[in-house]
PDB file of N, CA and C in Angstrom:
ATOM      1  N   MET A   1      -5.411  12.957  -4.694  1.00  0.00           N
ATOM      2  CA  MET A   1      -4.370  13.711  -4.029  1.00  0.00           C
ATOM      3  C   MET A   1      -4.478  13.007  -2.656  1.00  0.00           C
ATOM      4  N   PRO A   2      -2.898  13.372  -2.181  1.00  0.00           N
ATOM      5  CA  PRO A   2      -2.517  12.402  -1.427  1.00  0.00           C
ATOM      6  C   PRO A   2      -3.106  12.282   0.074  1.00  0.00           C
ATOM      7  N   SER A   3      -3.125  11.274   1.108  1.00  0.00           N
ATOM      8  CA  SER A   3      -3.604  11.375   2.197  1.00  0.00           C
ATOM      9  C   SER A   3      -2.431  11.130   3.446  1.00  0.00           C
ATOM     10  N   TYR A   4      -2.264  12.604   4.346  1.00  0.00           N
ATOM     11  CA  TYR A   4      -1.682  12.320   5.737  1.00  0.00           C
ATOM     12  C   TYR A   4      -2.342  12.086   6.824  1.00  0.00           C
ATOM     13  N   THR A   5      -1.349  11.773   7.324  1.00  0.00           N
ATOM     14  CA  THR A   5      -1.958  11.419   8.974  1.00  0.00           C
ATOM     15  C   THR A   5      -1.459  12.190  10.286  1.00  0.00           C
ATOM     16  N   MET A   6      -2.328  13.518  10.077  1.00  0.00           N
ATOM     17  CA  MET A   6      -1.548  14.689  11.399  1.00  0.00           C
ATOM     18  C   MET A   6      -2.366  14.688  12.409  1.00  0.00           C
ATOM     19  N   ILE A   7      -1.325  15.149  13.422  1.00  0.00           N
ATOM     20  CA  ILE A   7      -1.398  14.680  14.648  1.00  0.00           C
ATOM     21  C   ILE A   7      -1.558  16.230  15.159  1.00  0.00           C
ATOM     22  N   ASN A   8      -2.730  16.642  15.952  1.00  0.00           N
ATOM     23  CA  ASN A   8      -2.684  17.861  16.688  1.00  0.00           C
ATOM     24  C   ASN A   8      -2.109  17.780  17.804  1.00  0.00           C
ATOM     25  N   LYS A   9      -1.073  18.771  17.884  1.00  0.00           N
ATOM     26  CA  LYS A   9       0.047  19.541  18.722  1.00  0.00           C
ATOM     27  C   LYS A   9      -0.603  19.632  20.187  1.00  0.00           C
ATOM     28  N   LYS A  10      -2.200  20.266  20.361  1.00  0.00           N
ATOM     29  CA  LYS A  10      -2.713  20.099  22.129  1.00  0.00           C
ATOM     30  C   LYS A  10      -3.313  19.206  21.935  1.00  0.00           C
ATOM     31  N   THR A  11      -3.903  18.403  21.488  1.00  0.00           N
ATOM     32  CA  THR A  11      -4.378  17.285  21.805  1.00  0.00           C
ATOM     33  C   THR A  11      -4.151  16.095  21.363  1.00  0.00           C
ATOM     34  N   GLY A  12      -2.908  15.729  20.646  1.00  0.00           N
ATOM     35  CA  GLY A  12      -2.542  14.848  20.537  1.00  0.00           C
ATOM     36  C   GLY A  12      -3.178  13.946  19.504  1.00  0.00           C
ATOM     37  N   GLU A  13      -4.640  14.286  18.901  1.00  0.00           N
ATOM     38  CA  GLU A  13      -5.373  13.497  18.277  1.00  0.00           C
ATOM     39  C   GLU A  13      -5.108  13.222  17.233  1.00  0.00           C
ATOM     40  N   GLU A  14      -5.116  11.692  16.208  1.00  0.00           N
ATOM     41  CA  GLU A  14      -4.571  11.778  15.050  1.00  0.00           C
ATOM     42  C   GLU A  14      -5.588  11.906  14.192  1.00  0.00           C
ATOM     43  N   GLN A  15      -5.247  12.363  13.025  1.00  0.00           N
ATOM     44  CA  GLN A  15      -6.338  12.697  12.011  1.00  0.00           C
ATOM     45  C   GLN A  15      -5.995  12.555  10.802  1.00  0.00           C
ATOM     46  N   GLU A  16      -6.908  11.510   9.632  1.00  0.00           N
ATOM     47  CA  GLU A  16      -6.389  11.627   8.458  1.00  0.00           C
ATOM     48  C   GLU A  16      -6.439  12.478   7.318  1.00  0.00           C
ATOM     49  N   MET A  17      -5.863  13.176   7.105  1.00  0.00           N
ATOM     50  CA  MET A  17      -6.381  14.273   5.939  1.00  0.00           C
ATOM     51  C   MET A  17      -5.645  14.081   4.541  1.00  0.00           C
ATOM     52  N   VAL A  18      -7.057  14.183   3.188  1.00  0.00           N
ATOM     53  CA  VAL A  18      -6.493  14.163   2.140  1.00  0.00           C
ATOM     54  C   VAL A  18      -6.701  16.015   1.862  1.00  0.00           C
ATOM     55  N   LEU A  19      -5.188  16.082   1.297  1.00  0.00           N
ATOM     56  CA  LEU A  19      -4.865  17.516   1.173  1.00  0.00           C
ATOM     57  C   LEU A  19      -3.696  17.438  -0.006  1.00  0.00           C
ATOM     58  N   THR A  20      -4.246  18.927  -0.588  1.00  0.00           N
ATOM     59  CA  THR A  20      -2.794  19.015  -2.027  1.00  0.00           C
ATOM     60  C   THR A  20      -1.682  19.073  -0.985  1.00  0.00           C
ATOM     61  N   LEU A  21      -0.789  19.408  -1.748  1.00  0.00           N
ATOM     62  CA  LEU A  21       0.705  19.651  -1.114  1.00  0.00           C
ATOM     63  C   LEU A  21       0.829  21.413  -0.756  1.00  0.00           C
ATOM     64  N   ALA A  22      -0.238  21.901  -1.181  1.00  0.00           N
ATOM     65  CA  ALA A  22      -0.209  23.599  -0.796  1.00  0.00           C
ATOM     66  C   ALA A  22      -0.826  23.832   0.078  1.00  0.00           C
ATOM     67  N   GLU A  23      -1.947  22.667   0.395  1.00  0.00           N
ATOM     68  CA  GLU A  23      -2.705  23.027   1.655  1.00  0.00           C
ATOM     69  C   GLU A  23      -2.280  21.886   2.856  1.00  0.00           C
ATOM     70  N   ARG A  24      -1.223  21.074   2.545  1.00  0.00           N
ATOM     71  CA  ARG A  24      -0.568  20.702   4.113  1.00  0.00           C
ATOM     72  C   ARG A  24       0.315  21.489   4.317  1.00  0.00           C
ATOM     73  N   GLU A  25       1.362  22.267   3.376  1.00  0.00           N
ATOM     74  CA  GLU A  25       2.321  23.320   3.847  1.00  0.00           C
ATOM     75  C   GLU A  25       1.503  24.124   4.682  1.00  0.00           C
ATOM     76  N   ASP A  26       0.170  24.384   4.150  1.00  0.00           N
ATOM     77  CA  ASP A  26      -0.276  26.109   4.838  1.00  0.00           C
ATOM     78  C   ASP A  26      -0.464  24.954   6.321  1.00  0.00           C
ATOM     79  N   LEU A  27      -1.138  24.158   5.748  1.00  0.00           N
ATOM     80  CA  LEU A  27      -1.518  23.690   7.661  1.00  0.00           C
ATOM     81  C   LEU A  27      -0.449  23.267   8.777  1.00  0.00           C
ATOM     82  N   LEU A  28       0.756  23.147   8.109  1.00  0.00           N
ATOM     83  CA  LEU A  28       1.724  23.031   8.914  1.00  0.00           C
ATOM     84  C   LEU A  28       2.534  24.463   9.532  1.00  0.00           C
ATOM     85  N   SER A  29       2.358  25.381   8.738  1.00  0.00           N
ATOM     86  CA  SER A  29       3.013  26.541   8.819  1.00  0.00           C
ATOM     87  C   SER A  29       2.127  27.049   9.785  1.00  0.00           C
ATOM     88  N   LYS A  30       0.896  26.767  10.423  1.00  0.00           N
ATOM     89  CA  LYS A  30       0.153  27.638  11.328  1.00  0.00           C
ATOM     90  C   LYS A  30       0.499  26.860  12.337  1.00  0.00           C
ATOM     91  N   GLY A  31       1.020  26.161  12.800  1.00  0.00           N
ATOM     92  CA  GLY A  31       1.543  25.363  13.865  1.00  0.00           C
ATOM     93  C   GLY A  31       0.760  24.818  15.015  1.00  0.00           C
ATOM     94  N   GLU A  32      -0.319  24.692  14.687  1.00  0.00           N
ATOM     95  CA  GLU A  32      -1.346  23.649  15.316  1.00  0.00           C
ATOM     96  C   GLU A  32      -1.146  22.223  15.132  1.00  0.00           C
ATOM     97  N   TRP A  33      -0.612  21.684  13.557  1.00  0.00           N
ATOM     98  CA  TRP A  33      -0.845  20.106  13.712  1.00  0.00           C
ATOM     99  C   TRP A  33       0.831  19.876  13.125  1.00  0.00           C
ATOM    100  N   LYS A  34       1.211  18.649  13.362  1.00  0.00           N
ATOM    101  CA  LYS A  34       2.330  18.127  12.906  1.00  0.00           C
ATOM    102  C   LYS A  34       1.960  16.782  11.706  1.00  0.00           C
ATOM    103  N   GLN A  35       2.775  16.638  10.902  1.00  0.00           N
ATOM    104  CA  GLN A  35       2.877  15.251  10.020  1.00  0.00           C
ATOM    105  C   GLN A  35       3.316  14.183  10.483  1.00  0.00           C
ATOM    106  N   LYS A  36       2.731  12.947  11.249  1.00  0.00           N
ATOM    107  CA  LYS A  36       2.564  11.787  11.409  1.00  0.00           C
ATOM    108  C   LYS A  36       3.832  11.134   9.783  1.00  0.00           C
ATOM    109  N   LEU A  37       5.163  10.874  10.541  1.00  0.00           N
ATOM    110  CA  LEU A  37       5.834  10.425   9.193  1.00  0.00           C
ATOM    111  C   LEU A  37       5.800   8.839   9.821  1.00  0.00           C
ATOM    112  N   THR A  38       5.431   8.130   8.402  1.00  0.00           N
ATOM    113  CA  THR A  38       5.618   6.247   8.733  1.00  0.00           C
ATOM    114  C   THR A  38       6.134   5.922   7.634  1.00  0.00           C
ATOM    115  N   THR A  39       6.897   4.745   7.398  1.00  0.00           N
ATOM    116  CA  THR A  39       7.286   4.159   6.702  1.00  0.00           C
ATOM    117  C   THR A  39       6.761   3.088   6.061  1.00  0.00           C
ATOM    118  N   ALA A  40       6.816   2.793   5.109  1.00  0.00           N
ATOM    119  CA  ALA A  40       6.161   1.884   3.801  1.00  0.00           C
ATOM    120  C   ALA A  40       6.327   0.650   4.385  1.00  0.00           C
ATOM    121  N   LYS A  41       4.908   0.018   4.370  1.00  0.00           N
ATOM    122  CA  LYS A  41       4.909  -1.490   4.656  1.00  0.00           C
ATOM    123  C   LYS A  41       4.859  -2.167   3.733  1.00  0.00           C
ATOM    124  N   PHE A  42       6.059  -3.226   3.731  1.00  0.00           N
ATOM    125  CA  PHE A  42       6.053  -4.126   3.026  1.00  0.00           C
ATOM    126  C   PHE A  42       5.799  -5.543   3.063  1.00  0.00           C
ATOM    127  N   ILE A  43       5.340  -6.508   2.310  1.00  0.00           N
ATOM    128  CA  ILE A  43       5.139  -8.099   2.057  1.00  0.00           C
ATOM    129  C   ILE A  43       6.323  -8.415   1.728  1.00  0.00           C
ATOM    130  N   THR A  44       6.328  -9.465   2.358  1.00  0.00           N
ATOM    131  CA  THR A  44       8.029 -10.265   2.586  1.00  0.00           C
ATOM    132  C   THR A  44       7.416 -11.629   2.214  1.00  0.00           C
ATOM    133  N   GLY A  45       7.965 -12.321   1.427  1.00  0.00           N
ATOM    134  CA  GLY A  45       8.056 -13.457   1.026  1.00  0.00           C
ATOM    135  C   GLY A  45       8.436 -13.662  -0.048  1.00  0.00           C
ATOM    136  N   HIS A  46       8.914 -15.072  -0.714  1.00  0.00           N
ATOM    137  CA  HIS A  46       9.597 -15.097  -1.808  1.00  0.00           C
ATOM    138  C   HIS A  46       9.140 -16.352  -2.755  1.00  0.00           C
ATOM    139  N   GLY A  47       8.904 -16.188  -3.959  1.00  0.00           N
ATOM    140  CA  GLY A  47       8.458 -17.410  -4.576  1.00  0.00           C
ATOM    141  C   GLY A  47       7.711 -18.094  -4.130  1.00  0.00           C
ATOM    142  N   ASP A  48       7.482 -19.475  -4.010  1.00  0.00           N
ATOM    143  CA  ASP A  48       6.479 -19.631  -3.251  1.00  0.00           C
ATOM    144  C   ASP A  48       5.733 -19.755  -2.055  1.00  0.00           C
ATOM    145  N   VAL A  49       6.218 -18.927  -0.872  1.00  0.00           N
ATOM    146  CA  VAL A  49       6.068 -18.833  -0.242  1.00  0.00           C
ATOM    147  C   VAL A  49       4.832 -17.766   0.151  1.00  0.00           C
ATOM    148  N   ALA A  50       4.937 -16.934  -0.551  1.00  0.00           N
ATOM    149  CA  ALA A  50       4.131 -16.127  -1.444  1.00  0.00           C
ATOM    150  C   ALA A  50       2.839 -16.264  -2.139  1.00  0.00           C
ATOM    151  N   ARG A  51       2.909 -17.377  -3.045  1.00  0.00           N
ATOM    152  CA  ARG A  51       1.935 -17.798  -3.505  1.00  0.00           C
ATOM    153  C   ARG A  51       1.185 -18.944  -2.600  1.00  0.00           C
ATOM    154  N   ARG A  52       1.494 -19.349  -1.791  1.00  0.00           N
ATOM    155  CA  ARG A  52       0.673 -20.353  -0.659  1.00  0.00           C
ATOM    156  C   ARG A  52       0.315 -19.746   0.054  1.00  0.00           C
ATOM    157  N   GLN A  53       0.847 -18.261   0.289  1.00  0.00           N
ATOM    158  CA  GLN A  53      -0.144 -17.130   1.177  1.00  0.00           C
ATOM    159  C   GLN A  53      -1.058 -16.686   0.313  1.00  0.00           C
ATOM    160  N   ALA A  54      -0.969 -16.704  -1.038  1.00  0.00           N
ATOM    161  CA  ALA A  54      -2.064 -15.699  -1.757  1.00  0.00           C
ATOM    162  C   ALA A  54      -3.434 -17.073  -1.868  1.00  0.00           C
ATOM    163  N   GLY A  55      -3.373 -18.158  -1.360  1.00  0.00           N
ATOM    164  CA  GLY A  55      -4.302 -19.191  -1.304  1.00  0.00           C
ATOM    165  C   GLY A  55      -4.663 -20.015  -3.131  1.00  0.00           C
ATOM    166  N   SER A  56      -5.260 -20.806  -2.850  1.00  0.00           N
ATOM    167  CA  SER A  56      -5.293 -21.993  -3.864  1.00  0.00           C
ATOM    168  C   SER A  56      -5.950 -21.033  -5.379  1.00  0.00           C
ATOM    169  N   GLU A  57      -7.500 -20.046  -4.482  1.00  0.00           N
ATOM    170  CA  GLU A  57      -8.016 -19.595  -5.950  1.00  0.00           C
ATOM    171  C   GLU A  57      -6.728 -18.650  -6.920  1.00  0.00           C
ATOM    172  N   TRP A  58      -5.523 -18.527  -6.209  1.00  0.00           N
ATOM    173  CA  TRP A  58      -4.579 -17.278  -6.948  1.00  0.00           C
ATOM    174  C   TRP A  58      -3.826 -19.024  -7.666  1.00  0.00           C
ATOM    175  N   ASN A  59      -3.631 -19.736  -7.076  1.00  0.00           N
ATOM    176  CA  ASN A  59      -2.958 -21.035  -7.735  1.00  0.00           C
ATOM    177  C   ASN A  59      -3.416 -21.086  -9.138  1.00  0.00           C
ATOM    178  N   ASN A  60      -5.028 -21.389  -9.001  1.00  0.00           N
ATOM    179  CA  ASN A  60      -5.741 -22.017  -9.707  1.00  0.00           C
ATOM    180  C   ASN A  60      -6.005 -20.803 -10.901  1.00  0.00           C
ATOM    181  N   PHE A  61      -6.024 -19.536 -10.577  1.00  0.00           N
ATOM    182  CA  PHE A  61      -5.671 -18.668 -11.909  1.00  0.00           C
ATOM    183  C   PHE A  61      -4.685 -18.436 -12.814  1.00  0.00           C
ATOM    184  N   LEU A  62      -3.468 -18.572 -12.002  1.00  0.00           N
ATOM    185  CA  LEU A  62      -2.359 -18.727 -12.720  1.00  0.00           C
ATOM    186  C   LEU A  62      -2.451 -20.194 -13.431  1.00  0.00           C
ATOM    187  N   LYS A  63      -3.011 -20.875 -13.339  1.00  0.00           N
ATOM    188  CA  LYS A  63      -3.248 -22.338 -14.261  1.00  0.00           C
ATOM    189  C   LYS A  63      -3.891 -21.993 -15.286  1.00  0.00           C
ATOM    190  N   LYS A  64      -5.005 -21.519 -15.134  1.00  0.00           N
ATOM    191  CA  LYS A  64      -5.759 -21.455 -16.155  1.00  0.00           C
ATOM    192  C   LYS A  64      -5.377 -20.320 -17.243  1.00  0.00           C
ATOM    193  N   ILE A  65      -4.561 -19.352 -16.556  1.00  0.00           N
ATOM    194  CA  ILE A  65      -3.453 -18.280 -17.252  1.00  0.00           C
ATOM    195  C   ILE A  65      -2.614 -19.124 -18.504  1.00  0.00           C
ATOM    196  N   ASP A  66      -1.628 -20.353 -17.519  1.00  0.00           N
ATOM    197  CA  ASP A  66      -0.637 -20.862 -18.514  1.00  0.00           C
ATOM    198  C   ASP A  66      -1.343 -21.890 -19.775  1.00  0.00           C
ATOM    199  N   LYS A  67      -2.442 -22.176 -19.084  1.00  0.00           N
ATOM    200  CA  LYS A  67      -3.427 -23.355 -19.908  1.00  0.00           C
ATOM    201  C   LYS A  67      -3.905 -22.434 -21.440  1.00  0.00           C
ATOM    202  N   ASN A  68      -4.222 -21.194 -21.045  1.00  0.00           N
ATOM    203  CA  ASN A  68      -4.474 -20.637 -22.361  1.00  0.00           C
ATOM    204  C   ASN A  68      -3.298 -19.761 -22.895  1.00  0.00           C
ATOM    205  N   ALA A  69      -1.983 -19.240 -22.783  1.00  0.00           N
ATOM    206  CA  ALA A  69      -1.234 -18.502 -23.032  1.00  0.00           C
ATOM    207  C   ALA A  69      -0.408 -19.804 -24.298  1.00  0.00           C
ATOM    208  N   GLY A  70      -0.718 -20.800 -24.473  1.00  0.00           N
ATOM    209  CA  GLY A  70      -0.053 -21.126 -25.329  1.00  0.00           C
ATOM    210  C   GLY A  70       0.945 -22.000 -24.817  1.00  0.00           C
ATOM    211  N   ARG A  71       2.133 -22.753 -26.097  1.00  0.00           N
ATOM    212  CA  ARG A  71       2.746 -24.138 -25.789  1.00  0.00           C
ATOM    213  C   ARG A  71       4.211 -23.271 -25.168  1.00  0.00           C
ATOM    214  N   HIS A  72       4.142 -22.125 -25.303  1.00  0.00           N
ATOM    215  CA  HIS A  72       5.629 -21.163 -24.913  1.00  0.00           C
ATOM    216  C   HIS A  72       5.454 -20.637 -23.886  1.00  0.00           C
ATOM    217  N   SER A  73       4.174 -20.405 -22.917  1.00  0.00           N
ATOM    218  CA  SER A  73       4.489 -20.034 -22.194  1.00  0.00           C
ATOM    219  C   SER A  73       5.234 -19.961 -20.922  1.00  0.00           C
ATOM    220  N   LYS A  74       5.765 -19.168 -20.135  1.00  0.00           N
ATOM    221  CA  LYS A  74       6.945 -19.397 -19.066  1.00  0.00           C
ATOM    222  C   LYS A  74       6.321 -18.641 -17.791  1.00  0.00           C
ATOM    223  N   ILE A  75       4.953 -19.094 -17.401  1.00  0.00           N
ATOM    224  CA  ILE A  75       4.034 -19.107 -15.894  1.00  0.00           C
ATOM    225  C   ILE A  75       4.201 -20.492 -15.898  1.00  0.00           C
ATOM    226  N   GLN A  76       5.316 -20.659 -14.383  1.00  0.00           N
ATOM    227  CA  GLN A  76       5.396 -21.576 -14.102  1.00  0.00           C
ATOM    228  C   GLN A  76       4.513 -21.976 -12.761  1.00  0.00           C
ATOM    229  N   THR A  77       3.960 -22.605 -12.539  1.00  0.00           N
ATOM    230  CA  THR A  77       2.535 -23.114 -11.707  1.00  0.00           C
ATOM    231  C   THR A  77       3.052 -24.471 -10.784  1.00  0.00           C
TER     232      THR A  77
END
């Protein structure tokens, strides 16, 4: 089930709730709560920047995969 951040209209309190769509609609129709709308959070970075941020363990893991993948491997480490 999805999780929603709901705001109590009287107190302003934010509460994380796990609700079905029907439960969410029912809660909103009563008028005591409103849903906080958020946007997706994206991780930026391209190519080597993202790999450097991942750390040396990730690079070592990719090298191990490349070594065991065979001579026609397309993994670039």
